[in-house]
Protein backbone atom coordinates (compact mmCIF):
# COMPACT_ATOMS: atom_id res chain seq x y z
CA MET A 1 26.99 -14.91 20.05
CA GLU A 2 23.44 -13.66 20.68
CA PRO A 3 22.75 -9.93 21.09
CA SER A 4 22.76 -8.74 24.67
CA ASN A 5 19.36 -7.09 24.39
CA GLU A 6 17.58 -10.40 23.69
CA THR A 7 15.84 -11.95 26.62
CA LYS A 8 13.27 -14.53 27.60
CA PHE A 9 9.89 -12.85 27.42
CA SER A 10 6.29 -13.76 28.12
CA LYS A 11 4.35 -10.56 27.46
CA PHE A 12 3.98 -7.52 25.22
CA LEU A 13 2.52 -4.07 25.86
CA LEU A 14 -0.26 -2.77 23.60
CA LEU A 15 0.06 1.01 23.66
CA GLY A 16 -3.33 1.63 22.01
CA PHE A 17 -4.42 5.10 20.86
CA SER A 18 -3.72 7.43 23.75
CA GLU A 19 -2.00 7.26 27.12
CA GLU A 20 -3.95 10.21 28.52
CA PRO A 21 -6.23 9.06 31.39
CA GLY A 22 -8.98 11.45 30.31
CA MET A 23 -9.24 9.80 26.89
CA GLN A 24 -9.55 6.23 28.18
CA SER A 25 -13.21 6.51 29.17
CA LEU A 26 -14.11 8.05 25.80
CA ILE A 27 -12.24 5.36 23.86
CA PHE A 28 -13.80 2.62 26.01
CA GLY A 29 -17.33 3.91 25.46
CA LEU A 30 -16.82 4.44 21.73
CA PHE A 31 -15.38 1.00 21.04
CA LEU A 32 -17.86 -0.76 23.32
CA SER A 33 -20.72 0.88 21.41
CA MET A 34 -19.27 -0.05 18.02
CA TYR A 35 -18.60 -3.61 19.17
CA LEU A 36 -22.15 -4.11 20.47
CA ILE A 37 -23.63 -2.66 17.27
CA THR A 38 -21.42 -4.95 15.18
CA VAL A 39 -22.34 -8.11 17.11
CA PHE A 40 -26.04 -7.28 17.36
CA GLY A 41 -26.36 -6.16 13.72
CA ASN A 42 -24.57 -9.13 12.19
CA LEU A 43 -26.27 -11.59 14.53
CA LEU A 44 -29.62 -10.13 13.51
CA ILE A 45 -28.80 -10.73 9.84
CA ILE A 46 -27.87 -14.35 10.59
CA LEU A 47 -31.11 -14.93 12.51
CA ALA A 48 -33.24 -13.24 9.83
CA ILE A 49 -31.69 -15.34 7.06
CA SER A 50 -31.98 -18.58 9.03
CA THR A 51 -35.65 -18.02 9.95
CA ASP A 52 -36.92 -16.79 6.56
CA PRO A 53 -37.28 -19.59 3.97
CA ASN A 54 -37.32 -17.02 1.16
CA LEU A 55 -33.73 -16.11 2.02
CA HIS A 56 -32.41 -19.66 1.81
CA THR A 57 -30.54 -18.85 -1.41
CA PRO A 58 -26.82 -18.83 -2.27
CA MET A 59 -26.58 -15.05 -2.00
CA TYR A 60 -27.90 -14.97 1.56
CA PHE A 61 -26.01 -18.13 2.51
CA PHE A 62 -22.78 -16.28 1.73
CA LEU A 63 -24.08 -13.18 3.51
CA ALA A 64 -24.79 -15.17 6.67
CA ASN A 65 -21.24 -16.53 6.57
CA LEU A 66 -19.89 -13.01 6.05
CA SER A 67 -21.83 -11.75 9.08
CA PHE A 68 -20.48 -14.61 11.22
CA VAL A 69 -16.91 -13.88 10.10
CA ASP A 70 -17.36 -10.15 10.82
CA ILE A 71 -18.47 -10.93 14.38
CA CYS A 72 -15.42 -13.13 14.90
CA PHE A 73 -13.12 -10.63 13.19
CA THR A 74 -14.12 -7.80 15.52
CA SER A 75 -14.15 -10.10 18.57
CA THR A 76 -10.49 -10.94 17.95
CA THR A 77 -9.28 -7.44 18.80
CA VAL A 78 -11.87 -5.21 20.50
CA PRO A 79 -12.69 -7.24 23.68
CA LYS A 80 -9.01 -7.49 24.62
CA MET A 81 -8.60 -3.75 24.17
CA LEU A 82 -11.70 -3.06 26.30
CA VAL A 83 -10.43 -5.36 29.06
CA ASN A 84 -7.04 -3.63 29.03
CA ILE A 85 -8.66 -0.20 29.32
CA ARG A 86 -10.96 -1.37 32.09
CA THR A 87 -8.17 -2.97 34.11
CA GLN A 88 -5.75 -0.16 33.26
CA SER A 89 -3.31 -2.72 31.92
CA LYS A 90 -1.66 -2.85 28.50
CA VAL A 91 -0.27 -6.34 28.84
CA ILE A 92 -0.91 -9.17 26.41
CA THR A 93 0.92 -12.46 26.79
CA TYR A 94 3.16 -13.86 24.07
CA ALA A 95 0.78 -16.79 23.57
CA GLY A 96 -2.16 -14.39 23.46
CA CYS A 97 -0.40 -12.26 20.87
CA ILE A 98 0.35 -15.21 18.59
CA THR A 99 -3.25 -16.42 19.02
CA GLN A 100 -4.58 -12.97 18.15
CA ILE A 101 -2.43 -12.83 15.01
CA TYR A 102 -3.67 -16.28 13.97
CA PHE A 103 -7.37 -15.46 14.25
CA LEU A 104 -6.97 -11.94 12.89
CA ILE A 105 -5.36 -13.25 9.70
CA LEU A 106 -7.86 -16.11 9.52
CA PHE A 107 -10.97 -13.93 9.60
CA ALA A 108 -9.48 -11.08 7.53
CA VAL A 109 -8.60 -13.42 4.65
CA MET A 110 -11.92 -15.21 5.01
CA ASP A 111 -13.64 -11.83 4.61
CA VAL A 112 -11.76 -11.34 1.34
CA PHE A 113 -12.66 -14.82 0.07
CA LEU A 114 -16.34 -14.43 0.92
CA LEU A 115 -16.53 -11.07 -0.85
CA SER A 116 -15.00 -12.62 -3.97
CA VAL A 117 -17.36 -15.61 -3.81
CA MET A 118 -20.32 -13.26 -3.45
CA ALA A 119 -19.10 -11.32 -6.49
CA TYR A 120 -19.02 -14.57 -8.49
CA ASP A 121 -22.56 -15.34 -7.30
CA ARG A 122 -23.81 -11.95 -8.55
CA PHE A 123 -21.91 -12.42 -11.83
CA VAL A 124 -23.68 -15.70 -12.57
CA ALA A 125 -27.06 -14.32 -11.42
CA ILE A 126 -26.91 -11.33 -13.78
CA CYS A 127 -24.84 -12.59 -16.71
CA HIS A 128 -26.22 -16.16 -16.80
CA PRO A 129 -29.66 -15.96 -15.13
CA LEU A 130 -31.12 -18.99 -16.93
CA HIS A 131 -28.35 -21.26 -15.69
CA TYR A 132 -27.99 -19.70 -12.23
CA THR A 133 -29.70 -22.48 -10.25
CA ILE A 134 -27.70 -25.10 -12.12
CA ILE A 135 -24.29 -23.43 -11.74
CA VAL A 136 -24.61 -22.00 -8.23
CA ASN A 137 -26.15 -25.05 -6.54
CA PRO A 138 -26.06 -25.85 -2.78
CA ARG A 139 -23.20 -28.31 -3.27
CA LEU A 140 -21.02 -25.68 -4.97
CA CYS A 141 -21.87 -23.08 -2.30
CA GLY A 142 -20.85 -25.42 0.51
CA LEU A 143 -17.70 -26.43 -1.35
CA LEU A 144 -16.64 -22.81 -1.95
CA VAL A 145 -17.05 -21.91 1.70
CA LEU A 146 -15.31 -25.09 2.88
CA VAL A 147 -12.31 -24.57 0.57
CA SER A 148 -12.09 -20.94 1.68
CA TRP A 149 -12.01 -21.96 5.34
CA ILE A 150 -9.34 -24.61 4.69
CA MET A 151 -7.10 -22.17 2.81
CA CYS A 152 -7.52 -19.50 5.51
CA VAL A 153 -6.74 -21.94 8.33
CA LEU A 154 -3.60 -23.20 6.59
CA HIS A 155 -2.41 -19.70 5.75
CA SER A 156 -2.99 -18.42 9.30
CA LEU A 157 -1.22 -21.47 10.70
CA LEU A 158 1.76 -20.86 8.42
CA GLN A 159 2.06 -17.21 9.46
CA SER A 160 1.74 -18.05 13.16
CA LEU A 161 4.32 -20.84 13.02
CA MET A 162 6.75 -18.55 11.26
CA MET A 163 6.30 -16.02 14.06
CA LEU A 164 7.34 -18.67 16.59
CA ARG A 165 10.79 -18.97 15.01
CA LEU A 166 11.58 -15.31 15.73
CA SER A 167 13.33 -13.94 18.78
CA PHE A 168 12.42 -10.57 20.25
CA CYS A 169 14.35 -7.82 22.00
CA THR A 170 13.65 -6.23 25.36
CA HIS A 171 11.69 -3.41 23.70
CA LEU A 172 8.31 -5.12 23.46
CA HIS A 173 6.00 -2.12 23.12
CA ILE A 174 3.46 -2.48 20.29
CA PRO A 175 2.14 0.93 19.12
CA HIS A 176 -1.23 -0.59 18.23
CA PHE A 177 -4.43 -1.77 19.90
CA PHE A 178 -3.86 -5.36 18.74
CA CYS A 179 -0.95 -7.60 17.75
CA GLU A 180 -0.54 -6.66 14.10
CA LEU A 181 1.73 -8.91 12.03
CA ASN A 182 3.85 -6.16 10.48
CA GLN A 183 4.34 -4.43 13.84
CA MET A 184 5.47 -7.70 15.39
CA LEU A 185 8.03 -8.26 12.64
CA GLN A 186 9.48 -4.82 13.30
CA LEU A 187 10.06 -5.75 16.96
CA ALA A 188 11.95 -8.94 16.15
CA CYS A 189 15.69 -9.10 16.67
CA SER A 190 16.24 -12.08 14.41
CA ASP A 191 16.18 -12.11 10.61
CA THR A 192 12.65 -11.50 9.28
CA PHE A 193 13.42 -11.73 5.55
CA LEU A 194 11.56 -15.03 5.09
CA ASN A 195 8.62 -13.77 7.13
CA ASN A 196 8.37 -10.63 5.01
CA VAL A 197 8.55 -12.63 1.78
CA VAL A 198 5.73 -14.93 2.91
CA MET A 199 3.66 -12.00 4.21
CA TYR A 200 3.86 -9.96 0.98
CA LEU A 201 3.48 -13.00 -1.25
CA ALA A 202 0.35 -14.01 0.66
CA ALA A 203 -0.98 -10.45 0.39
CA VAL A 204 -0.57 -10.54 -3.39
CA LEU A 205 -2.09 -14.01 -3.83
CA LEU A 206 -4.80 -14.07 -1.15
CA ALA A 207 -5.87 -10.41 -1.33
CA GLY A 208 -4.84 -9.27 -4.80
CA GLY A 209 -6.08 -12.43 -6.54
CA PRO A 210 -9.65 -12.25 -5.17
CA PHE A 211 -9.69 -8.49 -5.81
CA ILE A 212 -8.86 -9.07 -9.49
CA GLY A 213 -11.64 -11.66 -9.57
CA ILE A 214 -14.07 -9.12 -8.09
CA LEU A 215 -13.06 -6.49 -10.65
CA TYR A 216 -13.48 -9.00 -13.48
CA SER A 217 -16.91 -10.09 -12.21
CA TYR A 218 -18.20 -6.54 -11.92
CA SER A 219 -16.78 -5.53 -15.30
CA LYS A 220 -18.85 -8.34 -16.82
CA ILE A 221 -21.85 -7.34 -14.70
CA VAL A 222 -21.66 -3.71 -15.84
CA SER A 223 -21.27 -4.82 -19.45
CA SER A 224 -24.31 -7.08 -19.12
CA ILE A 225 -26.41 -4.37 -17.44
CA CYS A 226 -25.53 -1.86 -20.18
CA GLY A 227 -26.84 -4.35 -22.72
CA ILE A 228 -30.31 -4.34 -21.14
CA SER A 229 -32.67 -2.19 -23.20
CA SER A 230 -35.22 -1.10 -20.58
CA ALA A 231 -34.32 1.35 -17.81
CA GLN A 232 -36.41 -0.65 -15.35
CA GLY A 233 -34.48 -3.80 -16.18
CA LYS A 234 -31.17 -2.01 -15.66
CA CYS A 235 -32.31 -0.68 -12.29
CA LYS A 236 -33.50 -4.13 -11.17
CA ALA A 237 -30.28 -5.81 -12.27
CA PHE A 238 -28.11 -3.23 -10.54
CA SER A 239 -30.15 -3.42 -7.31
CA THR A 240 -29.33 -7.13 -6.96
CA CYS A 241 -25.64 -6.34 -6.48
CA ALA A 242 -25.71 -2.78 -5.09
CA SER A 243 -25.36 -3.87 -1.46
CA HIS A 244 -22.46 -6.18 -2.15
CA LEU A 245 -20.71 -3.58 -4.31
CA SER A 246 -21.04 -1.07 -1.47
CA VAL A 247 -19.49 -3.50 1.04
CA VAL A 248 -16.65 -4.41 -1.34
CA SER A 249 -15.89 -0.73 -1.97
CA LEU A 250 -15.94 0.05 1.75
CA PHE A 251 -13.72 -2.90 2.71
CA TYR A 252 -11.06 -2.46 0.02
CA CYS A 253 -11.02 1.35 0.10
CA THR A 254 -10.49 1.40 3.86
CA MET A 255 -7.74 -1.24 3.69
CA LEU A 256 -6.05 0.63 0.85
CA GLY A 257 -6.40 3.88 2.77
CA VAL A 258 -4.78 2.30 5.83
CA TYR A 259 -1.70 1.15 3.97
CA LEU A 260 -1.37 4.35 1.96
CA SER A 261 -1.68 6.51 5.07
CA SER A 262 0.79 4.38 7.04
CA ALA A 263 3.25 4.52 4.14
CA ALA A 264 2.88 8.29 3.86
CA THR A 265 3.08 9.20 7.55
CA GLN A 266 5.40 6.41 8.76
CA SER A 267 3.58 6.73 12.09
CA SER A 268 2.59 3.57 13.93
CA ARG A 269 -0.01 5.46 15.98
CA SER A 270 -1.59 6.85 12.79
CA SER A 271 -1.62 3.34 11.32
CA ALA A 272 -3.39 2.05 14.44
CA THR A 273 -6.05 4.74 14.14
CA ALA A 274 -6.53 4.02 10.43
CA SER A 275 -6.77 0.27 11.10
CA VAL A 276 -9.98 0.90 13.01
CA MET A 277 -11.70 1.48 9.67
CA TYR A 278 -11.42 -2.09 8.36
CA THR A 279 -11.21 -3.96 11.68
CA VAL A 280 -14.13 -2.27 13.46
CA VAL A 281 -16.01 0.25 11.31
CA THR A 282 -16.49 -1.91 8.19
CA PRO A 283 -17.95 -4.94 10.08
CA MET A 284 -20.22 -2.52 11.94
CA LEU A 285 -21.54 -0.87 8.75
CA ASN A 286 -22.13 -4.08 6.77
CA PRO A 287 -25.48 -4.89 8.46
CA PHE A 288 -26.72 -1.34 7.82
CA ILE A 289 -25.74 -1.50 4.16
CA TYR A 290 -27.48 -4.82 3.57
CA SER A 291 -30.57 -3.97 5.63
CA LEU A 292 -31.07 -0.49 4.15
CA ARG A 293 -30.30 -1.31 0.51
CA ASN A 294 -31.96 -4.72 0.28
CA LYS A 295 -35.75 -5.06 0.11
CA ASP A 296 -35.73 -8.80 0.88
CA MET A 297 -33.64 -8.21 3.98
CA LYS A 298 -35.94 -5.39 5.12
CA ARG A 299 -38.93 -7.68 4.78
CA ALA A 300 -37.16 -10.51 6.62
CA LEU A 301 -36.19 -8.21 9.48
CA LYS A 302 -39.75 -6.89 9.78
CA ALA A 303 -41.05 -10.45 9.85
CA PHE A 304 -38.43 -11.40 12.44
CA PHE A 305 -39.61 -8.65 14.76
CA GLY A 306 -43.20 -9.79 14.30
CA LYS A 307 -44.55 -6.81 12.38
CA GLU A 308 -45.75 -8.84 9.45
CA THR A 309 -46.80 -11.90 11.42
CA LEU A 310 -49.40 -9.79 13.22
CA THR A 311 -50.92 -8.35 10.05
CA TRP A 312 -51.17 -11.51 7.97
CA PRO A 313 -53.97 -13.17 10.05
CA ILE A 314 -56.07 -10.01 9.66
CA VAL A 315 -55.60 -10.04 5.87
CA ILE A 316 -56.55 -13.73 5.70
CA ARG A 317 -59.74 -13.15 7.70
CA LEU A 318 -60.75 -10.23 5.48
CA LYS A 319 -60.30 -12.40 2.40
CA LYS A 320 -62.49 -15.12 3.94
CA CYS A 321 -65.21 -12.59 4.73
CA LEU A 322 -65.13 -11.30 1.18
């Protein structure tokens, strides 16, 4: 006999950060600003890489993919929250919730895969520079990204289909600003043992595995840099991976901080606040990290805005006069 508190449902309620009316305008303005900065910044990186032939290399190919994924990652959660605040509604449909979970997992795992692939690219560039163009060729780059997308799609599909087998109770309030997988499992009335096993197993394999690969790559990179005799050579070698190392540190530290804080406080609202770090803040900061710490990207952005295209004709004319 089924529990009496189970019912047919079609919607959930996203409680968000605060129910105080005075805070809604502040939250709306803050998240709208961060979302626009994220979209504009990452889109600018994609355009700069696509228009500058000097950036048509494996490193920037992966970076362009990372920027695209970051735009999609943030767009999965923030627009819905902004619409709910604007319409003063907290409702999200069941289909919308499952769809949000699917794309959130898809782009989050793809972020992890791209960061690990970029770490491998830097490993080959620094530890095997003479064979870099042979090993990291366009065919391998395309294959790595394609395989990553296929694995992410299949994993997201598996998690979403397993959510469909669950039944939910009448208490359908989600203390978050998006449909988070773990929160959804806590609301289910049916047995979630299999879902939890798959969720934690996937976390170990699809997040822990790439993280170990990143640590291995950078241990080899550090060992190789320490073997360089000149200080200038060490600085140049380290600068080629400084931006990526900063992004990796930011992404994994914020995710680790989220889960440690949620485990310590046992507060869903605190977990929602901490989740902002890796779902919104990290994608927003990535363009700043790569544009401020990367000379090639600075030059490409200046050229994109036309600052260098105006000065080059003058230089050419002066050379002709001389």
